[in-house]
Amino acid sequence: MAAKQPIFIWRKSVTAVWLRENEVKVNAITGIAVIEWPAKKRLTLEAACGTAGANRLVAVFGGRTEKLPRDWLKQFLAAGRNKPLFIGKRLLISERERPSISETPPSLLVIPAGAAFGTGDHATTAMSLRLLERITRRLQGGWRMLDAGTGSGILALAGRRFGAGPVLAIDHDPLAISTAKRNAQANRIRGMKFVVGDVRKVATGNFAVITANLYSELLTEMLPVFARNLDSEGSLIVSGLLRAQEADLIRRVGRHGFEVRETRRRGKWIALWLRRRSSRTGQKRP
């Protein structure tokens, strides 16, 4: 039996301009690259590859390589297990009811590891959760929430932990809704309405917060629906978008009366906090 080929991690600190000019070339060698933003002006580009790929990346682009140990996959999985996710100071997401940490926030949300449809560790979900936590600090308890494309229900359940009253969670996939219901029961969270259906047809109401972690094309189609169902002072959180789609989506949200209050970026992904544009020209909402 042939010995397993060694795996290397190639890393390079680059600017956003460098990435735009070279991302396609890097991906042509590695197939996929992971981007992290340690600071605003520079980012870290990483790629896993074999010996030949590592040597070529260094020869063409510079940077450095690190050889992974033979049991790298086992170590990676072990490191990812049981690692709690803090969302501000108000919520901790864990796969266990008793996370192994010395200090916990007032609220705990248990989402089993390996659960389908998202456990909070994906960049788009994590960014949406943190925007949701920050936005809802000023809201009085009982505000209404819509979670479009709920998946595991993690955003909807977090909304309840942050003080939401009635929460409507919609997904077209019956398995996703079944998973979300189980997660709600496991966390003893009530006041949820889970619906299998097309968000464009099912969503009705006047919501203080709408979350939508969807893909770009569906988000674009959903903007008129969100505009009709969002409270005049409400907030819309959208994610599931690639950085390359950001400019086009921002133009489209403007056409539907929204303004971007905050943009978060992590790797190739972005999340936006949107509010209705003020009726007075140039006036910014608080």
C-alpha atoms as a PDB file:
ATOM      1  CA  MET A   1       0.000   0.000   0.000  1.00  0.00           C
ATOM      2  CA  ALA A   2       1.379   3.383  -0.996  1.00  0.00           C
ATOM      3  CA  ALA A   3       2.192   5.810   1.789  1.00  0.00           C
ATOM      4  CA  LYS A   4      -0.126   8.755   2.219  1.00  0.00           C
ATOM      5  CA  GLN A   5       1.100  11.960   0.641  1.00  0.00           C
ATOM      6  CA  PRO A   6       1.975  14.727   3.118  1.00  0.00           C
ATOM      7  CA  ILE A   7      -0.366  17.701   3.438  1.00  0.00           C
ATOM      8  CA  PHE A   8       0.868  21.268   3.761  1.00  0.00           C
ATOM      9  CA  ILE A   9      -0.787  24.532   4.771  1.00  0.00           C
ATOM     10  CA  TRP A  10       0.371  27.505   2.717  1.00  0.00           C
ATOM     11  CA  ARG A  11      -0.073  30.965   4.246  1.00  0.00           C
ATOM     12  CA  LYS A  12       0.483  34.479   2.975  1.00  0.00           C
ATOM     13  CA  SER A  13      -0.422  37.898   4.401  1.00  0.00           C
ATOM     14  CA  VAL A  14      -1.828  40.057   1.607  1.00  0.00           C
ATOM     15  CA  THR A  15      -3.885  43.165   0.943  1.00  0.00           C
ATOM     16  CA  ALA A  16      -7.398  43.183  -0.487  1.00  0.00           C
ATOM     17  CA  VAL A  17      -6.012  44.601  -3.741  1.00  0.00           C
ATOM     18  CA  TRP A  18      -3.523  41.725  -4.003  1.00  0.00           C
ATOM     19  CA  LEU A  19      -6.315  39.227  -3.422  1.00  0.00           C
ATOM     20  CA  ARG A  20      -8.542  40.676  -6.158  1.00  0.00           C
ATOM     21  CA  GLU A  21      -5.664  40.452  -8.635  1.00  0.00           C
ATOM     22  CA  ASN A  22      -4.454  36.965  -7.686  1.00  0.00           C
ATOM     23  CA  GLU A  23      -7.337  34.982  -6.141  1.00  0.00           C
ATOM     24  CA  VAL A  24      -8.222  33.169  -9.364  1.00  0.00           C
ATOM     25  CA  LYS A  25      -4.568  32.213  -9.926  1.00  0.00           C
ATOM     26  CA  VAL A  26      -4.224  30.883  -6.376  1.00  0.00           C
ATOM     27  CA  ASN A  27      -7.403  28.840  -6.639  1.00  0.00           C
ATOM     28  CA  ALA A  28      -6.204  27.398  -9.951  1.00  0.00           C
ATOM     29  CA  ILE A  29      -3.340  25.775  -8.036  1.00  0.00           C
ATOM     30  CA  THR A  30      -5.098  24.797  -4.815  1.00  0.00           C
ATOM     31  CA  GLY A  31      -8.736  24.427  -5.795  1.00  0.00           C
ATOM     32  CA  ILE A  32      -9.841  26.398  -2.729  1.00  0.00           C
ATOM     33  CA  ALA A  33      -8.373  28.967  -0.370  1.00  0.00           C
ATOM     34  CA  VAL A  34      -9.546  30.151   3.023  1.00  0.00           C
ATOM     35  CA  ILE A  35      -9.387  33.840   3.846  1.00  0.00           C
ATOM     36  CA  GLU A  36      -9.280  35.351   7.323  1.00  0.00           C
ATOM     37  CA  TRP A  37      -9.339  39.035   8.200  1.00  0.00           C
ATOM     38  CA  PRO A  38      -7.080  39.672  11.213  1.00  0.00           C
ATOM     39  CA  ALA A  39      -7.126  43.432  10.544  1.00  0.00           C
ATOM     40  CA  LYS A  40      -8.855  45.856   8.234  1.00  0.00           C
ATOM     41  CA  LYS A  41      -5.971  46.512   5.868  1.00  0.00           C
ATOM     42  CA  ARG A  42      -4.466  43.038   5.557  1.00  0.00           C
ATOM     43  CA  LEU A  43      -5.759  39.491   5.496  1.00  0.00           C
ATOM     44  CA  THR A  44      -4.330  36.003   5.804  1.00  0.00           C
ATOM     45  CA  LEU A  45      -4.723  33.661   2.858  1.00  0.00           C
ATOM     46  CA  GLU A  46      -4.478  29.933   3.590  1.00  0.00           C
ATOM     47  CA  ALA A  47      -4.630  26.829   1.415  1.00  0.00           C
ATOM     48  CA  ALA A  48      -4.229  23.096   2.009  1.00  0.00           C
ATOM     49  CA  CYS A  49      -2.258  21.265  -0.684  1.00  0.00           C
ATOM     50  CA  GLY A  50       0.229  18.520  -1.425  1.00  0.00           C
ATOM     51  CA  THR A  51       3.981  18.849  -1.840  1.00  0.00           C
ATOM     52  CA  ALA A  52       3.865  19.978  -5.468  1.00  0.00           C
ATOM     53  CA  GLY A  53       1.147  22.548  -4.820  1.00  0.00           C
ATOM     54  CA  ALA A  54       2.947  23.941  -1.781  1.00  0.00           C
ATOM     55  CA  ASN A  55       6.194  24.323  -3.694  1.00  0.00           C
ATOM     56  CA  ARG A  56       4.467  26.003  -6.615  1.00  0.00           C
ATOM     57  CA  LEU A  57       2.572  28.455  -4.410  1.00  0.00           C
ATOM     58  CA  VAL A  58       5.754  29.555  -2.682  1.00  0.00           C
ATOM     59  CA  ALA A  59       7.616  29.834  -6.008  1.00  0.00           C
ATOM     60  CA  VAL A  60       4.886  31.914  -7.657  1.00  0.00           C
ATOM     61  CA  PHE A  61       3.466  33.967  -4.774  1.00  0.00           C
ATOM     62  CA  GLY A  62       5.904  33.680  -1.881  1.00  0.00           C
ATOM     63  CA  GLY A  63       4.517  33.062   1.584  1.00  0.00           C
ATOM     64  CA  ARG A  64       5.360  30.114   3.799  1.00  0.00           C
ATOM     65  CA  THR A  65       4.287  26.491   4.247  1.00  0.00           C
ATOM     66  CA  GLU A  66       3.743  24.246   7.236  1.00  0.00           C
ATOM     67  CA  LYS A  67       3.672  20.458   7.050  1.00  0.00           C
ATOM     68  CA  LEU A  68       0.715  18.966   8.874  1.00  0.00           C
ATOM     69  CA  PRO A  69       1.176  15.934  11.158  1.00  0.00           C
ATOM     70  CA  ARG A  70      -0.092  12.576   9.945  1.00  0.00           C
ATOM     71  CA  ASP A  71      -3.033  12.702  12.350  1.00  0.00           C
ATOM     72  CA  TRP A  72      -3.953  16.297  11.395  1.00  0.00           C
ATOM     73  CA  LEU A  73      -7.560  15.374  10.627  1.00  0.00           C
ATOM     74  CA  LYS A  74      -8.029  13.735  14.028  1.00  0.00           C
ATOM     75  CA  GLN A  75      -6.517  16.778  15.737  1.00  0.00           C
ATOM     76  CA  PHE A  76      -8.674  19.153  13.716  1.00  0.00           C
ATOM     77  CA  LEU A  77     -11.870  17.328  14.604  1.00  0.00           C
ATOM     78  CA  ALA A  78     -10.893  17.135  18.260  1.00  0.00           C
ATOM     79  CA  ALA A  79     -10.150  20.871  18.356  1.00  0.00           C
ATOM     80  CA  GLY A  80     -13.531  21.679  16.856  1.00  0.00           C
ATOM     81  CA  ARG A  81     -15.444  19.507  19.309  1.00  0.00           C
ATOM     82  CA  ASN A  82     -16.922  20.999  22.426  1.00  0.00           C
ATOM     83  CA  LYS A  83     -15.683  24.470  21.555  1.00  0.00           C
ATOM     84  CA  PRO A  84     -18.324  26.949  22.752  1.00  0.00           C
ATOM     85  CA  LEU A  85     -19.283  29.971  20.684  1.00  0.00           C
ATOM     86  CA  PHE A  86     -19.805  33.202  22.593  1.00  0.00           C
ATOM     87  CA  ILE A  87     -22.272  35.670  21.085  1.00  0.00           C
ATOM     88  CA  GLY A  88     -21.594  38.919  22.883  1.00  0.00           C
ATOM     89  CA  LYS A  89     -22.101  38.685  26.642  1.00  0.00           C
ATOM     90  CA  ARG A  90     -25.653  37.389  26.465  1.00  0.00           C
ATOM     91  CA  LEU A  91     -25.460  34.002  24.785  1.00  0.00           C
ATOM     92  CA  LEU A  92     -23.291  30.910  24.628  1.00  0.00           C
ATOM     93  CA  ILE A  93     -23.842  28.268  21.954  1.00  0.00           C
ATOM     94  CA  SER A  94     -22.558  24.832  22.839  1.00  0.00           C
ATOM     95  CA  GLU A  95     -23.071  21.240  21.811  1.00  0.00           C
ATOM     96  CA  ARG A  96     -23.395  20.217  25.468  1.00  0.00           C
ATOM     97  CA  GLU A  97     -25.703  21.277  28.265  1.00  0.00           C
ATOM     98  CA  ARG A  98     -22.721  21.809  30.550  1.00  0.00           C
ATOM     99  CA  PRO A  99     -19.942  23.407  28.502  1.00  0.00           C
ATOM    100  CA  SER A 100     -16.454  23.013  29.926  1.00  0.00           C
ATOM    101  CA  ILE A 101     -15.733  26.694  30.620  1.00  0.00           C
ATOM    102  CA  SER A 102     -15.283  28.614  33.841  1.00  0.00           C
ATOM    103  CA  GLU A 103     -17.764  31.383  33.107  1.00  0.00           C
ATOM    104  CA  THR A 104     -21.025  31.348  31.156  1.00  0.00           C
ATOM    105  CA  PRO A 105     -23.377  34.130  30.070  1.00  0.00           C
ATOM    106  CA  PRO A 106     -26.973  34.323  31.339  1.00  0.00           C
ATOM    107  CA  SER A 107     -28.331  32.313  28.364  1.00  0.00           C
ATOM    108  CA  LEU A 108     -27.229  29.001  26.880  1.00  0.00           C
ATOM    109  CA  LEU A 109     -28.290  27.533  23.545  1.00  0.00           C
ATOM    110  CA  VAL A 110     -27.465  23.872  22.935  1.00  0.00           C
ATOM    111  CA  ILE A 111     -27.099  22.815  19.305  1.00  0.00           C
ATOM    112  CA  PRO A 112     -25.762  19.239  18.963  1.00  0.00           C
ATOM    113  CA  ALA A 113     -22.461  18.867  17.120  1.00  0.00           C
ATOM    114  CA  GLY A 114     -22.931  17.500  13.633  1.00  0.00           C
ATOM    115  CA  ALA A 115     -26.541  18.642  13.503  1.00  0.00           C
ATOM    116  CA  ALA A 116     -27.771  19.284  10.002  1.00  0.00           C
ATOM    117  CA  PHE A 117     -28.463  22.789   8.713  1.00  0.00           C
ATOM    118  CA  GLY A 118     -25.961  24.685  10.836  1.00  0.00           C
ATOM    119  CA  THR A 119     -24.560  24.778  14.352  1.00  0.00           C
ATOM    120  CA  GLY A 120     -23.362  28.381  14.380  1.00  0.00           C
ATOM    121  CA  ASP A 121     -19.755  27.820  13.413  1.00  0.00           C
ATOM    122  CA  HIS A 122     -20.133  28.789   9.755  1.00  0.00           C
ATOM    123  CA  ALA A 123     -19.009  32.352   9.051  1.00  0.00           C
ATOM    124  CA  THR A 124     -22.384  33.518   7.724  1.00  0.00           C
ATOM    125  CA  THR A 125     -24.263  32.160  10.737  1.00  0.00           C
ATOM    126  CA  ALA A 126     -21.766  33.475  13.274  1.00  0.00           C
ATOM    127  CA  MET A 127     -21.816  36.977  11.754  1.00  0.00           C
ATOM    128  CA  SER A 128     -25.617  36.982  11.671  1.00  0.00           C
ATOM    129  CA  LEU A 129     -25.781  35.879  15.302  1.00  0.00           C
ATOM    130  CA  ARG A 130     -23.456  38.657  16.424  1.00  0.00           C
ATOM    131  CA  LEU A 131     -25.396  41.282  14.487  1.00  0.00           C
ATOM    132  CA  LEU A 132     -28.624  39.949  15.981  1.00  0.00           C
ATOM    133  CA  GLU A 133     -27.211  40.150  19.499  1.00  0.00           C
ATOM    134  CA  ARG A 134     -26.030  43.721  19.092  1.00  0.00           C
ATOM    135  CA  ILE A 135     -29.138  45.005  17.331  1.00  0.00           C
ATOM    136  CA  THR A 136     -31.542  43.572  19.914  1.00  0.00           C
ATOM    137  CA  ARG A 137     -29.830  45.076  22.973  1.00  0.00           C
ATOM    138  CA  ARG A 138     -31.996  48.197  22.702  1.00  0.00           C
ATOM    139  CA  LEU A 139     -35.272  46.410  22.031  1.00  0.00           C
ATOM    140  CA  GLN A 140     -37.829  45.872  24.746  1.00  0.00           C
ATOM    141  CA  GLY A 141     -38.911  42.282  25.222  1.00  0.00           C
ATOM    142  CA  GLY A 142     -41.706  40.920  23.065  1.00  0.00           C
ATOM    143  CA  TRP A 143     -40.579  42.177  19.646  1.00  0.00           C
ATOM    144  CA  ARG A 144     -41.596  40.093  16.627  1.00  0.00           C
ATOM    145  CA  MET A 145     -39.075  38.195  14.502  1.00  0.00           C
ATOM    146  CA  LEU A 146     -39.068  36.401  11.146  1.00  0.00           C
ATOM    147  CA  ASP A 147     -36.289  33.932  10.311  1.00  0.00           C
ATOM    148  CA  ALA A 148     -36.344  33.219   6.576  1.00  0.00           C
ATOM    149  CA  GLY A 149     -34.662  29.940   5.656  1.00  0.00           C
ATOM    150  CA  THR A 150     -34.322  28.877   9.277  1.00  0.00           C
ATOM    151  CA  GLY A 151     -32.301  25.673   8.765  1.00  0.00           C
ATOM    152  CA  SER A 152     -31.450  24.347  12.239  1.00  0.00           C
ATOM    153  CA  GLY A 153     -33.434  27.218  13.745  1.00  0.00           C
ATOM    154  CA  ILE A 154     -30.355  28.647  15.410  1.00  0.00           C
ATOM    155  CA  LEU A 155     -31.059  32.308  14.538  1.00  0.00           C
ATOM    156  CA  ALA A 156     -34.716  32.026  15.510  1.00  0.00           C
ATOM    157  CA  LEU A 157     -33.851  30.332  18.813  1.00  0.00           C
ATOM    158  CA  ALA A 158     -31.176  32.929  19.526  1.00  0.00           C
ATOM    159  CA  GLY A 159     -33.794  35.609  18.887  1.00  0.00           C
ATOM    160  CA  ARG A 160     -35.974  34.117  21.620  1.00  0.00           C
ATOM    161  CA  ARG A 161     -32.999  34.112  23.968  1.00  0.00           C
ATOM    162  CA  PHE A 162     -32.473  37.798  23.154  1.00  0.00           C
ATOM    163  CA  GLY A 163     -36.028  38.708  24.119  1.00  0.00           C
ATOM    164  CA  ALA A 164     -38.167  38.138  21.025  1.00  0.00           C
ATOM    165  CA  GLY A 165     -41.844  37.445  21.541  1.00  0.00           C
ATOM    166  CA  PRO A 166     -43.503  35.543  18.683  1.00  0.00           C
ATOM    167  CA  VAL A 167     -40.965  34.116  16.220  1.00  0.00           C
ATOM    168  CA  LEU A 168     -41.929  32.843  12.773  1.00  0.00           C
ATOM    169  CA  ALA A 169     -39.335  30.461  11.296  1.00  0.00           C
ATOM    170  CA  ILE A 170     -39.806  29.326   7.694  1.00  0.00           C
ATOM    171  CA  ASP A 171     -37.950  26.831   5.522  1.00  0.00           C
ATOM    172  CA  HIS A 172     -38.895  24.989   2.337  1.00  0.00           C
ATOM    173  CA  ASP A 173     -37.221  21.773   3.579  1.00  0.00           C
ATOM    174  CA  PRO A 174     -39.349  19.628   5.923  1.00  0.00           C
ATOM    175  CA  LEU A 175     -36.194  18.036   7.366  1.00  0.00           C
ATOM    176  CA  ALA A 176     -34.868  21.466   8.315  1.00  0.00           C
ATOM    177  CA  ILE A 177     -38.103  22.342  10.106  1.00  0.00           C
ATOM    178  CA  SER A 178     -38.047  18.979  11.882  1.00  0.00           C
ATOM    179  CA  THR A 179     -34.477  19.676  13.030  1.00  0.00           C
ATOM    180  CA  ALA A 180     -35.384  23.185  14.179  1.00  0.00           C
ATOM    181  CA  LYS A 181     -38.338  21.862  16.188  1.00  0.00           C
ATOM    182  CA  ARG A 182     -36.122  19.289  17.908  1.00  0.00           C
ATOM    183  CA  ASN A 183     -33.597  21.986  18.785  1.00  0.00           C
ATOM    184  CA  ALA A 184     -36.364  24.157  20.230  1.00  0.00           C
ATOM    185  CA  GLN A 185     -37.662  21.255  22.332  1.00  0.00           C
ATOM    186  CA  ALA A 186     -34.162  20.349  23.520  1.00  0.00           C
ATOM    187  CA  ASN A 187     -33.652  23.938  24.697  1.00  0.00           C
ATOM    188  CA  ARG A 188     -37.150  24.180  26.209  1.00  0.00           C
ATOM    189  CA  ILE A 189     -37.922  27.192  24.025  1.00  0.00           C
ATOM    190  CA  ARG A 190     -41.553  27.989  23.328  1.00  0.00           C
ATOM    191  CA  GLY A 191     -43.254  30.763  21.379  1.00  0.00           C
ATOM    192  CA  MET A 192     -41.945  29.481  18.056  1.00  0.00           C
ATOM    193  CA  LYS A 193     -43.969  28.915  14.905  1.00  0.00           C
ATOM    194  CA  PHE A 194     -42.163  26.659  12.427  1.00  0.00           C
ATOM    195  CA  VAL A 195     -43.599  26.548   8.916  1.00  0.00           C
ATOM    196  CA  VAL A 196     -42.668  24.460   5.875  1.00  0.00           C
ATOM    197  CA  GLY A 197     -43.128  26.595   2.778  1.00  0.00           C
ATOM    198  CA  ASP A 198     -41.905  29.256   0.394  1.00  0.00           C
ATOM    199  CA  VAL A 199     -40.919  32.374   2.336  1.00  0.00           C
ATOM    200  CA  ARG A 200     -42.186  34.541  -0.512  1.00  0.00           C
ATOM    201  CA  LYS A 201     -45.692  33.162  -0.030  1.00  0.00           C
ATOM    202  CA  VAL A 202     -45.832  32.385   3.690  1.00  0.00           C
ATOM    203  CA  ALA A 203     -44.242  35.431   5.321  1.00  0.00           C
ATOM    204  CA  THR A 204     -46.839  37.895   6.561  1.00  0.00           C
ATOM    205  CA  GLY A 205     -46.728  40.288   9.473  1.00  0.00           C
ATOM    206  CA  ASN A 206     -45.048  43.352  10.865  1.00  0.00           C
ATOM    207  CA  PHE A 207     -41.646  42.264  12.190  1.00  0.00           C
ATOM    208  CA  ALA A 208     -39.112  44.225  14.239  1.00  0.00           C
ATOM    209  CA  VAL A 209     -36.290  41.930  13.080  1.00  0.00           C
ATOM    210  CA  ILE A 210     -35.959  39.770   9.981  1.00  0.00           C
ATOM    211  CA  THR A 211     -33.000  37.420   9.522  1.00  0.00           C
ATOM    212  CA  ALA A 212     -32.222  35.796   6.188  1.00  0.00           C
ATOM    213  CA  ASN A 213     -29.135  33.608   5.797  1.00  0.00           C
ATOM    214  CA  LEU A 214     -29.780  32.650   2.183  1.00  0.00           C
ATOM    215  CA  TYR A 215     -28.015  32.598  -1.140  1.00  0.00           C
ATOM    216  CA  SER A 216     -27.697  35.768  -3.207  1.00  0.00           C
ATOM    217  CA  GLU A 217     -30.330  35.089  -5.865  1.00  0.00           C
ATOM    218  CA  LEU A 218     -33.040  34.242  -3.340  1.00  0.00           C
ATOM    219  CA  LEU A 219     -32.162  37.246  -1.198  1.00  0.00           C
ATOM    220  CA  THR A 220     -32.622  39.475  -4.219  1.00  0.00           C
ATOM    221  CA  GLU A 221     -36.038  37.957  -4.916  1.00  0.00           C
ATOM    222  CA  MET A 222     -37.018  38.312  -1.266  1.00  0.00           C
ATOM    223  CA  LEU A 223     -36.236  42.024  -0.882  1.00  0.00           C
ATOM    224  CA  PRO A 224     -39.787  43.182  -1.810  1.00  0.00           C
ATOM    225  CA  VAL A 225     -41.206  40.657   0.678  1.00  0.00           C
ATOM    226  CA  PHE A 226     -38.907  41.901   3.428  1.00  0.00           C
ATOM    227  CA  ALA A 227     -39.786  45.510   2.613  1.00  0.00           C
ATOM    228  CA  ARG A 228     -43.509  44.755   2.988  1.00  0.00           C
ATOM    229  CA  ASN A 229     -43.161  42.869   6.252  1.00  0.00           C
ATOM    230  CA  LEU A 230     -40.522  44.862   8.139  1.00  0.00           C
ATOM    231  CA  ASP A 231     -41.577  47.382  10.759  1.00  0.00           C
ATOM    232  CA  SER A 232     -40.793  51.008   9.913  1.00  0.00           C
ATOM    233  CA  GLU A 233     -38.102  51.012  12.612  1.00  0.00           C
ATOM    234  CA  GLY A 234     -37.126  47.400  12.060  1.00  0.00           C
ATOM    235  CA  SER A 235     -33.831  45.737  11.182  1.00  0.00           C
ATOM    236  CA  LEU A 236     -33.045  43.286   8.400  1.00  0.00           C
ATOM    237  CA  ILE A 237     -29.999  40.994   8.681  1.00  0.00           C
ATOM    238  CA  VAL A 238     -28.936  39.270   5.476  1.00  0.00           C
ATOM    239  CA  SER A 239     -26.063  36.873   4.917  1.00  0.00           C
ATOM    240  CA  GLY A 240     -25.024  33.936   2.754  1.00  0.00           C
ATOM    241  CA  LEU A 241     -23.328  36.382   0.376  1.00  0.00           C
ATOM    242  CA  LEU A 242     -19.892  36.311  -1.170  1.00  0.00           C
ATOM    243  CA  ARG A 243     -17.756  39.439  -1.188  1.00  0.00           C
ATOM    244  CA  ALA A 244     -17.960  39.474  -4.980  1.00  0.00           C
ATOM    245  CA  GLN A 245     -21.758  39.866  -4.710  1.00  0.00           C
ATOM    246  CA  GLU A 246     -21.674  42.702  -2.191  1.00  0.00           C
ATOM    247  CA  ALA A 247     -21.708  45.708  -4.516  1.00  0.00           C
ATOM    248  CA  ASP A 248     -24.584  44.377  -6.617  1.00  0.00           C
ATOM    249  CA  LEU A 249     -26.713  43.546  -3.590  1.00  0.00           C
ATOM    250  CA  ILE A 250     -26.123  46.954  -2.009  1.00  0.00           C
ATOM    251  CA  ARG A 251     -27.436  48.598  -5.186  1.00  0.00           C
ATOM    252  CA  ARG A 252     -30.503  46.394  -5.095  1.00  0.00           C
ATOM    253  CA  VAL A 253     -31.328  46.970  -1.424  1.00  0.00           C
ATOM    254  CA  GLY A 254     -31.180  50.706  -2.063  1.00  0.00           C
ATOM    255  CA  ARG A 255     -33.859  50.367  -4.726  1.00  0.00           C
ATOM    256  CA  HIS A 256     -36.154  48.789  -2.138  1.00  0.00           C
ATOM    257  CA  GLY A 257     -35.714  51.580   0.385  1.00  0.00           C
ATOM    258  CA  PHE A 258     -33.019  50.058   2.604  1.00  0.00           C
ATOM    259  CA  GLU A 259     -29.738  51.515   3.771  1.00  0.00           C
ATOM    260  CA  VAL A 260     -26.708  49.582   4.999  1.00  0.00           C
ATOM    261  CA  ARG A 261     -25.999  50.282   8.653  1.00  0.00           C
ATOM    262  CA  GLU A 262     -23.173  47.783   9.076  1.00  0.00           C
ATOM    263  CA  THR A 263     -21.190  45.321   6.987  1.00  0.00           C
ATOM    264  CA  ARG A 264     -19.316  42.383   8.458  1.00  0.00           C
ATOM    265  CA  ARG A 265     -16.800  40.348   6.490  1.00  0.00           C
ATOM    266  CA  ARG A 266     -15.198  37.034   7.291  1.00  0.00           C
ATOM    267  CA  GLY A 267     -13.215  35.262   4.654  1.00  0.00           C
ATOM    268  CA  LYS A 268     -15.166  35.276   1.418  1.00  0.00           C
ATOM    269  CA  TRP A 269     -18.471  35.879   3.190  1.00  0.00           C
ATOM    270  CA  ILE A 270     -20.334  39.010   4.230  1.00  0.00           C
ATOM    271  CA  ALA A 271     -23.326  39.863   6.410  1.00  0.00           C
ATOM    272  CA  LEU A 272     -25.284  43.116   6.264  1.00  0.00           C
ATOM    273  CA  TRP A 273     -27.431  44.956   8.768  1.00  0.00           C
ATOM    274  CA  LEU A 274     -30.068  46.921   6.854  1.00  0.00           C
ATOM    275  CA  ARG A 275     -32.686  49.442   7.943  1.00  0.00           C
ATOM    276  CA  ARG A 276     -35.234  51.479   6.084  1.00  0.00           C
ATOM    277  CA  ARG A 277     -33.822  54.637   4.551  1.00  0.00           C
ATOM    278  CA  SER A 278     -34.916  57.774   6.383  1.00  0.00           C
ATOM    279  CA  SER A 279     -37.639  59.742   4.636  1.00  0.00           C
ATOM    280  CA  ARG A 280     -35.626  62.905   5.196  1.00  0.00           C
ATOM    281  CA  THR A 281     -32.713  63.250   2.818  1.00  0.00           C
ATOM    282  CA  GLY A 282     -29.396  62.740   4.505  1.00  0.00           C
ATOM    283  CA  GLN A 283     -30.942  61.940   7.886  1.00  0.00           C
ATOM    284  CA  LYS A 284     -29.444  58.898   9.606  1.00  0.00           C
ATOM    285  CA  ARG A 285     -31.388  56.688  11.940  1.00  0.00           C
ATOM    286  CA  PRO A 286     -30.000  56.164  15.428  1.00  0.00           C
END
